C-alpha atoms as a PDB file:
ATOM      1  CA  MET A   1      14.926  -3.577  -2.959  1.00  0.00           C
ATOM      2  CA  TYR A   2      12.826  -3.393  -6.118  1.00  0.00           C
ATOM      3  CA  GLU A   3      15.197  -5.680  -8.000  1.00  0.00           C
ATOM      4  CA  GLU A   4      14.961  -8.244  -5.201  1.00  0.00           C
ATOM      5  CA  GLY A   5      11.219  -8.601  -5.722  1.00  0.00           C
ATOM      6  CA  ILE A   6      10.255  -6.796  -2.528  1.00  0.00           C
ATOM      7  CA  GLU A   7       6.932  -4.956  -2.727  1.00  0.00           C
ATOM      8  CA  ILE A   8       7.062  -1.562  -0.995  1.00  0.00           C
ATOM      9  CA  ILE A   9       3.720  -0.211   0.193  1.00  0.00           C
ATOM     10  CA  ALA A  10       3.597   3.437   1.266  1.00  0.00           C
ATOM     11  CA  ILE A  11       0.772   4.527   3.562  1.00  0.00           C
ATOM     12  CA  GLY A  12       0.211   8.086   4.653  1.00  0.00           C
ATOM     13  CA  PHE A  13      -2.511   9.976   6.470  1.00  0.00           C
ATOM     14  CA  GLY A  14      -3.289  13.506   7.508  1.00  0.00           C
ATOM     15  CA  GLY A  15      -1.097  15.936   5.601  1.00  0.00           C
ATOM     16  CA  ALA A  16       1.069  13.248   3.990  1.00  0.00           C
ATOM     17  CA  ASP A  17       2.597  14.101   0.619  1.00  0.00           C
ATOM     18  CA  VAL A  18       0.954  11.821  -1.959  1.00  0.00           C
ATOM     19  CA  GLU A  19       3.730  12.395  -4.494  1.00  0.00           C
ATOM     20  CA  PHE A  20       6.335  11.296  -1.937  1.00  0.00           C
ATOM     21  CA  LEU A  21       4.301   8.175  -1.146  1.00  0.00           C
ATOM     22  CA  ARG A  22       4.233   7.328  -4.862  1.00  0.00           C
ATOM     23  CA  LEU A  23       7.967   7.971  -5.115  1.00  0.00           C
ATOM     24  CA  ILE A  24       8.891   5.500  -2.365  1.00  0.00           C
ATOM     25  CA  ALA A  25       6.271   2.858  -3.215  1.00  0.00           C
ATOM     26  CA  THR A  26       6.942   0.117  -5.737  1.00  0.00           C
ATOM     27  CA  SER A  27       4.172   1.527  -7.949  1.00  0.00           C
ATOM     28  CA  ASP A  28       1.477   4.201  -7.854  1.00  0.00           C
ATOM     29  CA  GLU A  29      -0.999   1.448  -6.954  1.00  0.00           C
ATOM     30  CA  SER A  30       1.076   0.722  -3.832  1.00  0.00           C
ATOM     31  CA  ALA A  31       0.771   4.292  -2.492  1.00  0.00           C
ATOM     32  CA  PHE A  32      -2.151   4.981  -0.188  1.00  0.00           C
ATOM     33  CA  LEU A  33      -3.431   8.139   1.436  1.00  0.00           C
ATOM     34  CA  ILE A  34      -5.971   7.266   4.095  1.00  0.00           C
ATOM     35  CA  SER A  35      -7.758   8.967   6.948  1.00  0.00           C
ATOM     36  CA  SER A  36      -6.535   8.256  10.470  1.00  0.00           C
ATOM     37  CA  SER A  37      -9.737   6.318  11.136  1.00  0.00           C
ATOM     38  CA  GLU A  38      -8.840   3.891   8.303  1.00  0.00           C
ATOM     39  CA  ILE A  39      -5.395   2.898   9.618  1.00  0.00           C
ATOM     40  CA  GLY A  40      -6.499  -0.281  11.388  1.00  0.00           C
ATOM     41  CA  SER A  41      -8.584  -1.375   8.435  1.00  0.00           C
ATOM     42  CA  ALA A  42      -5.724  -0.656   6.010  1.00  0.00           C
ATOM     43  CA  PHE A  43      -3.317  -2.871   7.913  1.00  0.00           C
ATOM     44  CA  GLU A  44      -5.928  -5.609   8.231  1.00  0.00           C
ATOM     45  CA  ASN A  45      -6.317  -5.556   4.448  1.00  0.00           C
ATOM     46  CA  ILE A  46      -2.553  -5.614   3.911  1.00  0.00           C
ATOM     47  CA  ALA A  47      -2.230  -8.571   6.269  1.00  0.00           C
ATOM     48  CA  GLN A  48      -5.008 -10.396   4.423  1.00  0.00           C
ATOM     49  CA  GLU A  49      -3.340  -9.748   1.046  1.00  0.00           C
ATOM     50  CA  LEU A  50      -0.035 -11.069   2.412  1.00  0.00           C
ATOM     51  CA  VAL A  51      -1.709 -14.217   3.701  1.00  0.00           C
ATOM     52  CA  GLU A  52      -3.479 -14.809   0.397  1.00  0.00           C
ATOM     53  CA  SER A  53      -0.456 -14.089  -1.800  1.00  0.00           C
ATOM     54  CA  SER A  54       1.921 -16.805  -2.841  1.00  0.00           C
ATOM     55  CA  GLY A  55       5.681 -16.305  -3.087  1.00  0.00           C
ATOM     56  CA  ASN A  56       6.643 -12.860  -4.330  1.00  0.00           C
ATOM     57  CA  ASP A  57       3.399 -12.358  -6.246  1.00  0.00           C
ATOM     58  CA  LEU A  58       1.702  -9.808  -3.980  1.00  0.00           C
ATOM     59  CA  LYS A  59      -1.639  -8.643  -5.313  1.00  0.00           C
ATOM     60  CA  LEU A  60      -2.823  -5.286  -4.014  1.00  0.00           C
ATOM     61  CA  GLY A  61      -6.122  -5.006  -5.854  1.00  0.00           C
ATOM     62  CA  GLY A  62      -8.121  -5.403  -2.664  1.00  0.00           C
ATOM     63  CA  LEU A  63      -6.472  -2.322  -1.215  1.00  0.00           C
ATOM     64  CA  SER A  64      -7.154  -0.018  -4.123  1.00  0.00           C
ATOM     65  CA  PHE A  65     -10.188   1.565  -2.457  1.00  0.00           C
ATOM     66  CA  PHE A  66      -7.826   3.358  -0.072  1.00  0.00           C
ATOM     67  CA  LEU A  67      -6.023   5.207  -2.856  1.00  0.00           C
ATOM     68  CA  ARG A  68      -6.904   8.868  -3.020  1.00  0.00           C
ATOM     69  CA  ARG A  69      -5.646  10.516  -6.232  1.00  0.00           C
END
């Protein structure tokens, strides 16, 4: 999928394995560990980024505040 230009976003919560999220995401910046109370907000932000992006150029900068390293 990576070679086809598909951005893979991995979102986990609770006891999710951050390293696994990073492994399956397109990049470390596309892996997010959030609290269960942030799920709705996270998907709202993803939807907004998709709407604002053009073509295959998905920008995830607006979601970076969810990343917990």
